[in-house]
Amino acid sequence: MSTRPTSLPGGTWSLGELTVTRFGYGAMQLAGPGVMGPPADRDGALAVLREVVDLGITHIDTADAYGPHVTNQLIREALHPYPESVHIVTKVGATRDQDGGWPPARRPDELRRAVHQNLENLGVDVLDVVNLRLGDAEGPRPEPVAEAVTALVEMQREGLIRHLGVSNATVEQVAEARAIAPIVCVQNRYNLAHRQDDELIDELAADGIAYVPFFPLGGFSPLQSSVLSTVAARLGATPMAVALAWLLRRSPNILLIPGTSSVAHLRENVAGAGLSLSDDDLAELDTIGG
């Protein structure tokens, strides 16, 4: 039986004037299979969201494309009216098709529609942070971002958005976006095995900008998984716990958003991220990076 963690690992970080816990929660898994349709256990999904707040987590990551609309509607049902300390970060820039694909939707009119859908389904008048999702399901793709970022800046000036970020972005796209407007976070694929953003993380940290990795265990080779499992076994922990704890140690601007549809798993993730890693552990884990 899982026990409730007594505190959150990692402390806090500031997204503009918004203070969030570095250990956050990613809501994507609350939708049905393939991130489409309703969850099999609606009451369970609502219970997870309420546990998120009860644990003191103040950073919830979502997108109205999850479901679509399902995840945001669950968040609203479970948590509205939201505690003042809770901040919801959402994404625009992709929609869903009937086959479960993620076609891009980055024209100004599409972005405006998506922002209003997020506002409606979350039940808020202003969105705390909106990430512009770039690329596709395979990863970042070179493409200009000026038109899309400018469209979001216009909605920010209208008072619909507090802060901006980018997701699934190349280093060049991050720089292009930052040249147009301040951003508070970058959300990209990054973990022990995929460290292509190492330099970007350090650059953002120096400028006070958060980096939010997704897929903390995604894409490991068998050999890399073996190294991770060896370290985890030695510490009496799970590979996920080690991966999350390593991310928190990697840089103070890294914010975690592991997702789950289970209250017990949520508590395990929180406890695991607080795992203490020695210098020898870190040195061995660093051999995984590619």
C-alpha atoms as a PDB file:
ATOM      1  CA  MET A   1       0.000   0.000   0.000  1.00  0.00           C
ATOM      2  CA  SER A   2       1.446   3.368  -1.031  1.00  0.00           C
ATOM      3  CA  THR A   3       1.968   6.011   1.631  1.00  0.00           C
ATOM      4  CA  ARG A   4       1.558   9.735   1.152  1.00  0.00           C
ATOM      5  CA  PRO A   5       4.888  11.589   0.791  1.00  0.00           C
ATOM      6  CA  THR A   6       5.448  14.176   3.499  1.00  0.00           C
ATOM      7  CA  SER A   7       7.022  16.820   1.253  1.00  0.00           C
ATOM      8  CA  LEU A   8       7.784  17.581  -2.366  1.00  0.00           C
ATOM      9  CA  PRO A   9      11.339  17.243  -3.673  1.00  0.00           C
ATOM     10  CA  GLY A  10      13.085  20.025  -5.524  1.00  0.00           C
ATOM     11  CA  GLY A  11      11.592  23.142  -3.969  1.00  0.00           C
ATOM     12  CA  THR A  12      10.066  25.812  -6.213  1.00  0.00           C
ATOM     13  CA  TRP A  13      10.755  27.856  -9.340  1.00  0.00           C
ATOM     14  CA  SER A  14       9.281  31.070 -10.685  1.00  0.00           C
ATOM     15  CA  LEU A  15       7.448  31.289 -14.003  1.00  0.00           C
ATOM     16  CA  GLY A  16       7.365  35.061 -14.195  1.00  0.00           C
ATOM     17  CA  GLU A  17       5.577  36.111 -11.037  1.00  0.00           C
ATOM     18  CA  LEU A  18       4.041  32.631 -10.631  1.00  0.00           C
ATOM     19  CA  THR A  19       5.747  30.353  -8.118  1.00  0.00           C
ATOM     20  CA  VAL A  20       5.382  26.639  -8.868  1.00  0.00           C
ATOM     21  CA  THR A  21       6.721  23.458  -7.338  1.00  0.00           C
ATOM     22  CA  ARG A  22       9.541  21.935  -9.365  1.00  0.00           C
ATOM     23  CA  PHE A  23       7.742  18.632  -9.023  1.00  0.00           C
ATOM     24  CA  GLY A  24       4.620  19.070 -11.135  1.00  0.00           C
ATOM     25  CA  TYR A  25       2.043  16.843 -12.749  1.00  0.00           C
ATOM     26  CA  GLY A  26       1.429  16.083 -16.423  1.00  0.00           C
ATOM     27  CA  ALA A  27      -2.246  15.392 -17.113  1.00  0.00           C
ATOM     28  CA  MET A  28      -1.968  13.753 -20.555  1.00  0.00           C
ATOM     29  CA  GLN A  29      -2.506  10.219 -19.248  1.00  0.00           C
ATOM     30  CA  LEU A  30      -5.898  11.108 -17.804  1.00  0.00           C
ATOM     31  CA  ALA A  31      -7.528  10.818 -21.230  1.00  0.00           C
ATOM     32  CA  GLY A  32      -8.410   7.477 -22.816  1.00  0.00           C
ATOM     33  CA  PRO A  33      -6.115   5.191 -24.848  1.00  0.00           C
ATOM     34  CA  GLY A  34      -3.979   7.093 -27.338  1.00  0.00           C
ATOM     35  CA  VAL A  35      -4.883  10.293 -25.482  1.00  0.00           C
ATOM     36  CA  MET A  36      -8.314  10.063 -27.104  1.00  0.00           C
ATOM     37  CA  GLY A  37     -11.729   9.988 -25.469  1.00  0.00           C
ATOM     38  CA  PRO A  38     -12.688   9.673 -21.809  1.00  0.00           C
ATOM     39  CA  PRO A  39     -10.761   7.673 -19.206  1.00  0.00           C
ATOM     40  CA  ALA A  40     -11.886   4.159 -18.346  1.00  0.00           C
ATOM     41  CA  ASP A  41     -12.077   5.219 -14.694  1.00  0.00           C
ATOM     42  CA  ARG A  42     -13.426   8.759 -14.488  1.00  0.00           C
ATOM     43  CA  ASP A  43     -13.655   8.774 -10.697  1.00  0.00           C
ATOM     44  CA  GLY A  44     -10.067   7.554 -10.533  1.00  0.00           C
ATOM     45  CA  ALA A  45      -8.916  10.382 -12.804  1.00  0.00           C
ATOM     46  CA  LEU A  46     -10.662  12.951 -10.645  1.00  0.00           C
ATOM     47  CA  ALA A  47      -9.108  11.393  -7.529  1.00  0.00           C
ATOM     48  CA  VAL A  48      -5.610  11.732  -9.020  1.00  0.00           C
ATOM     49  CA  LEU A  49      -6.132  15.429  -9.715  1.00  0.00           C
ATOM     50  CA  ARG A  50      -7.387  16.062  -6.198  1.00  0.00           C
ATOM     51  CA  GLU A  51      -4.415  14.143  -4.793  1.00  0.00           C
ATOM     52  CA  VAL A  52      -2.097  16.330  -6.868  1.00  0.00           C
ATOM     53  CA  VAL A  53      -3.359  19.402  -5.012  1.00  0.00           C
ATOM     54  CA  ASP A  54      -3.469  17.614  -1.654  1.00  0.00           C
ATOM     55  CA  LEU A  55       0.209  16.720  -2.066  1.00  0.00           C
ATOM     56  CA  GLY A  56       1.026  20.398  -2.516  1.00  0.00           C
ATOM     57  CA  ILE A  57       1.848  20.222  -6.240  1.00  0.00           C
ATOM     58  CA  THR A  58       1.165  23.620  -7.791  1.00  0.00           C
ATOM     59  CA  HIS A  59       2.207  23.039 -11.428  1.00  0.00           C
ATOM     60  CA  ILE A  60      -0.250  21.130 -13.654  1.00  0.00           C
ATOM     61  CA  ASP A  61       0.607  20.621 -17.322  1.00  0.00           C
ATOM     62  CA  THR A  62      -2.159  19.997 -19.845  1.00  0.00           C
ATOM     63  CA  ALA A  63      -3.462  20.755 -23.346  1.00  0.00           C
ATOM     64  CA  ASP A  64      -6.970  21.017 -24.722  1.00  0.00           C
ATOM     65  CA  ALA A  65      -5.903  18.611 -27.476  1.00  0.00           C
ATOM     66  CA  TYR A  66      -5.742  15.834 -24.871  1.00  0.00           C
ATOM     67  CA  GLY A  67      -8.963  13.928 -25.423  1.00  0.00           C
ATOM     68  CA  PRO A  68      -9.554  16.357 -27.116  1.00  0.00           C
ATOM     69  CA  HIS A  69     -11.065  18.584 -24.396  1.00  0.00           C
ATOM     70  CA  VAL A  70     -11.375  15.639 -21.971  1.00  0.00           C
ATOM     71  CA  THR A  71      -8.365  16.343 -19.770  1.00  0.00           C
ATOM     72  CA  ASN A  72      -9.125  20.032 -19.302  1.00  0.00           C
ATOM     73  CA  GLN A  73     -12.741  19.241 -18.483  1.00  0.00           C
ATOM     74  CA  LEU A  74     -11.574  16.715 -15.866  1.00  0.00           C
ATOM     75  CA  ILE A  75      -9.233  19.307 -14.355  1.00  0.00           C
ATOM     76  CA  ARG A  76     -12.104  21.785 -14.121  1.00  0.00           C
ATOM     77  CA  GLU A  77     -14.479  19.227 -12.593  1.00  0.00           C
ATOM     78  CA  ALA A  78     -11.935  18.100 -10.011  1.00  0.00           C
ATOM     79  CA  LEU A  79     -10.350  21.387  -8.987  1.00  0.00           C
ATOM     80  CA  HIS A  80     -12.460  24.416  -9.946  1.00  0.00           C
ATOM     81  CA  PRO A  81     -12.500  26.930  -8.325  1.00  0.00           C
ATOM     82  CA  TYR A  82      -8.744  26.552  -8.319  1.00  0.00           C
ATOM     83  CA  PRO A  83      -6.628  27.250  -5.245  1.00  0.00           C
ATOM     84  CA  GLU A  84      -4.654  30.464  -5.702  1.00  0.00           C
ATOM     85  CA  SER A  85      -1.398  28.517  -5.444  1.00  0.00           C
ATOM     86  CA  VAL A  86      -2.212  26.180  -8.361  1.00  0.00           C
ATOM     87  CA  HIS A  87      -1.007  27.196 -11.824  1.00  0.00           C
ATOM     88  CA  ILE A  88      -2.031  25.442 -15.023  1.00  0.00           C
ATOM     89  CA  VAL A  89       0.298  25.373 -18.018  1.00  0.00           C
ATOM     90  CA  THR A  90      -1.312  24.462 -21.325  1.00  0.00           C
ATOM     91  CA  LYS A  91      -0.284  24.048 -24.965  1.00  0.00           C
ATOM     92  CA  VAL A  92      -1.605  25.176 -28.318  1.00  0.00           C
ATOM     93  CA  GLY A  93      -0.331  24.534 -31.821  1.00  0.00           C
ATOM     94  CA  ALA A  94      -1.671  21.061 -32.572  1.00  0.00           C
ATOM     95  CA  THR A  95      -5.098  19.514 -32.762  1.00  0.00           C
ATOM     96  CA  ARG A  96      -6.377  15.936 -33.127  1.00  0.00           C
ATOM     97  CA  ASP A  97      -7.746  14.034 -36.074  1.00  0.00           C
ATOM     98  CA  GLN A  98     -10.056  11.032 -36.131  1.00  0.00           C
ATOM     99  CA  ASP A  99      -7.090   8.662 -36.408  1.00  0.00           C
ATOM    100  CA  GLY A 100      -5.498  10.007 -33.242  1.00  0.00           C
ATOM    101  CA  GLY A 101      -2.917  12.062 -35.111  1.00  0.00           C
ATOM    102  CA  TRP A 102      -1.634  15.484 -34.062  1.00  0.00           C
ATOM    103  CA  PRO A 103      -1.921  17.734 -37.127  1.00  0.00           C
ATOM    104  CA  PRO A 104      -0.398  21.197 -36.664  1.00  0.00           C
ATOM    105  CA  ALA A 105      -2.722  24.124 -35.960  1.00  0.00           C
ATOM    106  CA  ARG A 106      -0.459  27.137 -35.773  1.00  0.00           C
ATOM    107  CA  ARG A 107      -2.166  29.742 -37.936  1.00  0.00           C
ATOM    108  CA  PRO A 108      -3.234  32.811 -35.931  1.00  0.00           C
ATOM    109  CA  ASP A 109      -6.935  31.916 -36.213  1.00  0.00           C
ATOM    110  CA  GLU A 110      -6.241  28.334 -35.086  1.00  0.00           C
ATOM    111  CA  LEU A 111      -4.213  29.524 -32.120  1.00  0.00           C
ATOM    112  CA  ARG A 112      -6.939  31.958 -31.087  1.00  0.00           C
ATOM    113  CA  ARG A 113      -9.537  29.198 -31.274  1.00  0.00           C
ATOM    114  CA  ALA A 114      -7.343  26.928 -29.170  1.00  0.00           C
ATOM    115  CA  VAL A 115      -6.757  29.591 -26.524  1.00  0.00           C
ATOM    116  CA  HIS A 116     -10.495  30.171 -26.181  1.00  0.00           C
ATOM    117  CA  GLN A 117     -11.156  26.425 -25.976  1.00  0.00           C
ATOM    118  CA  ASN A 118      -8.617  26.156 -23.164  1.00  0.00           C
ATOM    119  CA  LEU A 119     -10.207  29.086 -21.356  1.00  0.00           C
ATOM    120  CA  GLU A 120     -13.674  27.570 -21.682  1.00  0.00           C
ATOM    121  CA  ASN A 121     -12.807  23.997 -20.745  1.00  0.00           C
ATOM    122  CA  LEU A 122     -10.614  24.997 -17.815  1.00  0.00           C
ATOM    123  CA  GLY A 123     -13.171  27.560 -16.644  1.00  0.00           C
ATOM    124  CA  VAL A 124     -10.787  30.509 -16.347  1.00  0.00           C
ATOM    125  CA  ASP A 125     -10.613  34.053 -17.692  1.00  0.00           C
ATOM    126  CA  VAL A 126      -6.856  34.024 -18.265  1.00  0.00           C
ATOM    127  CA  LEU A 127      -4.378  31.204 -18.896  1.00  0.00           C
ATOM    128  CA  ASP A 128      -1.316  31.202 -16.613  1.00  0.00           C
ATOM    129  CA  VAL A 129       1.145  29.896 -19.212  1.00  0.00           C
ATOM    130  CA  VAL A 130       0.605  28.904 -22.848  1.00  0.00           C
ATOM    131  CA  ASN A 131       3.267  26.870 -24.638  1.00  0.00           C
ATOM    132  CA  LEU A 132       3.432  26.991 -28.415  1.00  0.00           C
ATOM    133  CA  ARG A 133       3.795  23.375 -29.509  1.00  0.00           C
ATOM    134  CA  LEU A 134       6.011  23.068 -32.550  1.00  0.00           C
ATOM    135  CA  GLY A 135       7.254  20.172 -34.682  1.00  0.00           C
ATOM    136  CA  ASP A 136       5.266  16.948 -34.752  1.00  0.00           C
ATOM    137  CA  ALA A 137       4.918  13.636 -32.918  1.00  0.00           C
ATOM    138  CA  GLU A 138       8.398  12.644 -34.102  1.00  0.00           C
ATOM    139  CA  GLY A 139      10.069  15.689 -32.554  1.00  0.00           C
ATOM    140  CA  PRO A 140      11.099  19.248 -33.419  1.00  0.00           C
ATOM    141  CA  ARG A 141      11.142  20.353 -37.055  1.00  0.00           C
ATOM    142  CA  PRO A 142      12.774  23.455 -38.553  1.00  0.00           C
ATOM    143  CA  GLU A 143      10.072  26.030 -39.246  1.00  0.00           C
ATOM    144  CA  PRO A 144       9.624  29.762 -38.634  1.00  0.00           C
ATOM    145  CA  VAL A 145       7.774  30.670 -35.455  1.00  0.00           C
ATOM    146  CA  ALA A 146       7.405  34.440 -35.722  1.00  0.00           C
ATOM    147  CA  GLU A 147       3.806  34.488 -36.957  1.00  0.00           C
ATOM    148  CA  ALA A 148       2.591  32.067 -34.289  1.00  0.00           C
ATOM    149  CA  VAL A 149       4.481  33.721 -31.435  1.00  0.00           C
ATOM    150  CA  THR A 150       3.236  37.143 -32.522  1.00  0.00           C
ATOM    151  CA  ALA A 151      -0.349  35.855 -32.498  1.00  0.00           C
ATOM    152  CA  LEU A 152       0.095  34.622 -28.921  1.00  0.00           C
ATOM    153  CA  VAL A 153       1.688  37.920 -27.885  1.00  0.00           C
ATOM    154  CA  GLU A 154      -1.402  39.711 -29.189  1.00  0.00           C
ATOM    155  CA  MET A 155      -3.628  37.534 -26.996  1.00  0.00           C
ATOM    156  CA  GLN A 156      -1.273  38.149 -24.094  1.00  0.00           C
ATOM    157  CA  ARG A 157      -1.772  41.893 -24.586  1.00  0.00           C
ATOM    158  CA  GLU A 158      -5.520  41.313 -24.605  1.00  0.00           C
ATOM    159  CA  GLY A 159      -5.241  39.729 -21.159  1.00  0.00           C
ATOM    160  CA  LEU A 160      -6.050  36.154 -22.213  1.00  0.00           C
ATOM    161  CA  ILE A 161      -2.565  34.800 -21.424  1.00  0.00           C
ATOM    162  CA  ARG A 162      -0.148  35.677 -18.623  1.00  0.00           C
ATOM    163  CA  HIS A 163       3.056  34.045 -19.849  1.00  0.00           C
ATOM    164  CA  LEU A 164       4.392  32.309 -22.948  1.00  0.00           C
ATOM    165  CA  GLY A 165       6.576  29.280 -23.558  1.00  0.00           C
ATOM    166  CA  VAL A 166       7.544  26.933 -26.387  1.00  0.00           C
ATOM    167  CA  SER A 167       7.397  23.158 -26.651  1.00  0.00           C
ATOM    168  CA  ASN A 168       9.016  20.564 -28.919  1.00  0.00           C
ATOM    169  CA  ALA A 169      11.313  23.307 -30.201  1.00  0.00           C
ATOM    170  CA  THR A 170      14.762  23.489 -31.744  1.00  0.00           C
ATOM    171  CA  VAL A 171      17.439  25.702 -30.203  1.00  0.00           C
ATOM    172  CA  GLU A 172      16.976  28.100 -33.115  1.00  0.00           C
ATOM    173  CA  GLN A 173      13.225  28.298 -32.549  1.00  0.00           C
ATOM    174  CA  VAL A 174      13.745  29.042 -28.863  1.00  0.00           C
ATOM    175  CA  ALA A 175      16.059  31.898 -29.819  1.00  0.00           C
ATOM    176  CA  GLU A 176      13.599  33.195 -32.434  1.00  0.00           C
ATOM    177  CA  ALA A 177      10.731  33.145 -29.948  1.00  0.00           C
ATOM    178  CA  ARG A 178      12.825  34.893 -27.282  1.00  0.00           C
ATOM    179  CA  ALA A 179      13.727  37.629 -29.751  1.00  0.00           C
ATOM    180  CA  ILE A 180      10.011  38.391 -30.177  1.00  0.00           C
ATOM    181  CA  ALA A 181       8.774  38.157 -26.593  1.00  0.00           C
ATOM    182  CA  PRO A 182       9.844  36.975 -23.137  1.00  0.00           C
ATOM    183  CA  ILE A 183       9.229  33.287 -22.509  1.00  0.00           C
ATOM    184  CA  VAL A 184       9.153  31.585 -19.115  1.00  0.00           C
ATOM    185  CA  CYS A 185       9.644  27.943 -20.086  1.00  0.00           C
ATOM    186  CA  VAL A 186      10.790  25.501 -22.742  1.00  0.00           C
ATOM    187  CA  GLN A 187       9.227  22.051 -22.805  1.00  0.00           C
ATOM    188  CA  ASN A 188      11.230  19.475 -24.784  1.00  0.00           C
ATOM    189  CA  ARG A 189      12.105  15.817 -24.823  1.00  0.00           C
ATOM    190  CA  TYR A 190      15.052  15.266 -22.498  1.00  0.00           C
ATOM    191  CA  ASN A 191      16.237  12.527 -20.171  1.00  0.00           C
ATOM    192  CA  LEU A 192      19.342  10.591 -19.151  1.00  0.00           C
ATOM    193  CA  ALA A 193      19.595   8.979 -22.579  1.00  0.00           C
ATOM    194  CA  HIS A 194      18.658  12.000 -24.714  1.00  0.00           C
ATOM    195  CA  ARG A 195      20.708  15.009 -23.674  1.00  0.00           C
ATOM    196  CA  GLN A 196      20.789  17.060 -26.857  1.00  0.00           C
ATOM    197  CA  ASP A 197      19.501  20.099 -24.933  1.00  0.00           C
ATOM    198  CA  ASP A 198      22.305  20.195 -22.341  1.00  0.00           C
ATOM    199  CA  GLU A 199      23.671  23.533 -23.553  1.00  0.00           C
ATOM    200  CA  LEU A 200      20.182  24.997 -23.901  1.00  0.00           C
ATOM    201  CA  ILE A 201      19.285  24.009 -20.335  1.00  0.00           C
ATOM    202  CA  ASP A 202      22.331  25.795 -18.963  1.00  0.00           C
ATOM    203  CA  GLU A 203      21.648  28.883 -21.088  1.00  0.00           C
ATOM    204  CA  LEU A 204      18.042  29.049 -19.920  1.00  0.00           C
ATOM    205  CA  ALA A 205      19.028  28.509 -16.290  1.00  0.00           C
ATOM    206  CA  ALA A 206      21.379  31.498 -16.483  1.00  0.00           C
ATOM    207  CA  ASP A 207      18.478  33.597 -17.750  1.00  0.00           C
ATOM    208  CA  GLY A 208      15.941  32.362 -15.186  1.00  0.00           C
ATOM    209  CA  ILE A 209      13.872  30.382 -17.688  1.00  0.00           C
ATOM    210  CA  ALA A 210      12.438  26.969 -16.798  1.00  0.00           C
ATOM    211  CA  TYR A 211      13.124  23.806 -18.756  1.00  0.00           C
ATOM    212  CA  VAL A 212      10.409  21.146 -18.596  1.00  0.00           C
ATOM    213  CA  PRO A 213      11.464  17.711 -19.873  1.00  0.00           C
ATOM    214  CA  PHE A 214       8.974  15.153 -21.096  1.00  0.00           C
ATOM    215  CA  PHE A 215       9.436  11.385 -21.549  1.00  0.00           C
ATOM    216  CA  PRO A 216      11.759  10.897 -18.514  1.00  0.00           C
ATOM    217  CA  LEU A 217      12.131   7.200 -19.447  1.00  0.00           C
ATOM    218  CA  GLY A 218      11.412   7.357 -23.179  1.00  0.00           C
ATOM    219  CA  GLY A 219      13.761   6.021 -25.851  1.00  0.00           C
ATOM    220  CA  PHE A 220      16.372   4.212 -23.767  1.00  0.00           C
ATOM    221  CA  SER A 221      18.398   1.521 -25.529  1.00  0.00           C
ATOM    222  CA  PRO A 222      18.654  -1.914 -23.827  1.00  0.00           C
ATOM    223  CA  LEU A 223      22.217  -1.125 -22.724  1.00  0.00           C
ATOM    224  CA  GLN A 224      21.201   2.262 -21.312  1.00  0.00           C
ATOM    225  CA  SER A 225      18.241   0.685 -19.541  1.00  0.00           C
ATOM    226  CA  SER A 226      20.596  -1.915 -18.071  1.00  0.00           C
ATOM    227  CA  VAL A 227      22.842   0.755 -16.570  1.00  0.00           C
ATOM    228  CA  LEU A 228      19.845   2.605 -15.150  1.00  0.00           C
ATOM    229  CA  SER A 229      18.378  -0.601 -13.719  1.00  0.00           C
ATOM    230  CA  THR A 230      21.718  -1.491 -12.098  1.00  0.00           C
ATOM    231  CA  VAL A 231      21.901   1.855 -10.314  1.00  0.00           C
ATOM    232  CA  ALA A 232      18.243   1.620  -9.302  1.00  0.00           C
ATOM    233  CA  ALA A 233      18.676  -1.891  -7.902  1.00  0.00           C
ATOM    234  CA  ARG A 234      21.724  -0.804  -5.878  1.00  0.00           C
ATOM    235  CA  LEU A 235      19.688   2.051  -4.384  1.00  0.00           C
ATOM    236  CA  GLY A 236      16.605  -0.077  -3.797  1.00  0.00           C
ATOM    237  CA  ALA A 237      14.627   2.224  -6.086  1.00  0.00           C
ATOM    238  CA  THR A 238      12.758   2.050  -9.381  1.00  0.00           C
ATOM    239  CA  PRO A 239      14.316   3.228 -12.672  1.00  0.00           C
ATOM    240  CA  MET A 240      11.685   5.992 -12.807  1.00  0.00           C
ATOM    241  CA  ALA A 241      12.700   7.217  -9.350  1.00  0.00           C
ATOM    242  CA  VAL A 242      16.350   7.404 -10.397  1.00  0.00           C
ATOM    243  CA  ALA A 243      15.476   9.146 -13.676  1.00  0.00           C
ATOM    244  CA  LEU A 244      13.356  11.772 -11.905  1.00  0.00           C
ATOM    245  CA  ALA A 245      15.895  12.328  -9.128  1.00  0.00           C
ATOM    246  CA  TRP A 246      18.649  12.776 -11.728  1.00  0.00           C
ATOM    247  CA  LEU A 247      16.597  15.393 -13.572  1.00  0.00           C
ATOM    248  CA  LEU A 248      16.091  17.404 -10.381  1.00  0.00           C
ATOM    249  CA  ARG A 249      19.846  17.278  -9.744  1.00  0.00           C
ATOM    250  CA  ARG A 250      20.723  18.162 -13.353  1.00  0.00           C
ATOM    251  CA  SER A 251      19.786  21.846 -13.070  1.00  0.00           C
ATOM    252  CA  PRO A 252      17.699  24.011 -10.714  1.00  0.00           C
ATOM    253  CA  ASN A 253      15.544  25.259 -13.612  1.00  0.00           C
ATOM    254  CA  ILE A 254      14.290  21.780 -14.532  1.00  0.00           C
ATOM    255  CA  LEU A 255      10.616  21.243 -13.663  1.00  0.00           C
ATOM    256  CA  LEU A 256       9.180  17.724 -13.639  1.00  0.00           C
ATOM    257  CA  ILE A 257       5.766  16.808 -15.051  1.00  0.00           C
ATOM    258  CA  PRO A 258       5.525  13.003 -14.802  1.00  0.00           C
ATOM    259  CA  GLY A 259       2.043  11.767 -15.589  1.00  0.00           C
ATOM    260  CA  THR A 260      -0.032   8.939 -14.197  1.00  0.00           C
ATOM    261  CA  SER A 261      -3.669   7.938 -13.839  1.00  0.00           C
ATOM    262  CA  SER A 262      -3.052   6.231 -10.470  1.00  0.00           C
ATOM    263  CA  VAL A 263      -2.992   7.859  -7.039  1.00  0.00           C
ATOM    264  CA  ALA A 264      -0.553   5.220  -5.773  1.00  0.00           C
ATOM    265  CA  HIS A 265       1.778   5.780  -8.723  1.00  0.00           C
ATOM    266  CA  LEU A 266       1.588   9.548  -8.234  1.00  0.00           C
ATOM    267  CA  ARG A 267       2.752   9.155  -4.642  1.00  0.00           C
ATOM    268  CA  GLU A 268       5.520   6.778  -5.742  1.00  0.00           C
ATOM    269  CA  ASN A 269       6.751   9.316  -8.306  1.00  0.00           C
ATOM    270  CA  VAL A 270       6.873  12.076  -5.686  1.00  0.00           C
ATOM    271  CA  ALA A 271       8.737   9.884  -3.227  1.00  0.00           C
ATOM    272  CA  GLY A 272      11.070   8.586  -5.924  1.00  0.00           C
ATOM    273  CA  ALA A 273      12.069  12.040  -7.125  1.00  0.00           C
ATOM    274  CA  GLY A 274      13.373  12.730  -3.609  1.00  0.00           C
ATOM    275  CA  LEU A 275      15.920   9.928  -3.909  1.00  0.00           C
ATOM    276  CA  SER A 276      19.434  10.960  -2.873  1.00  0.00           C
ATOM    277  CA  LEU A 277      22.062  10.287  -5.544  1.00  0.00           C
ATOM    278  CA  SER A 278      25.758  10.148  -4.630  1.00  0.00           C
ATOM    279  CA  ASP A 279      28.559  11.491  -6.817  1.00  0.00           C
ATOM    280  CA  ASP A 280      29.384   7.893  -7.780  1.00  0.00           C
ATOM    281  CA  ASP A 281      25.748   7.296  -8.760  1.00  0.00           C
ATOM    282  CA  LEU A 282      25.778  10.441 -10.892  1.00  0.00           C
ATOM    283  CA  ALA A 283      29.032   9.479 -12.575  1.00  0.00           C
ATOM    284  CA  GLU A 284      27.661   6.076 -13.505  1.00  0.00           C
ATOM    285  CA  LEU A 285      24.398   7.561 -14.742  1.00  0.00           C
ATOM    286  CA  ASP A 286      26.258  10.088 -16.851  1.00  0.00           C
ATOM    287  CA  THR A 287      27.668   7.225 -18.932  1.00  0.00           C
ATOM    288  CA  ILE A 288      24.116   6.744 -20.254  1.00  0.00           C
ATOM    289  CA  GLY A 289      23.900  10.171 -21.900  1.00  0.00           C
ATOM    290  CA  GLY A 290      23.878  10.294 -25.679  1.00  0.00           C
END
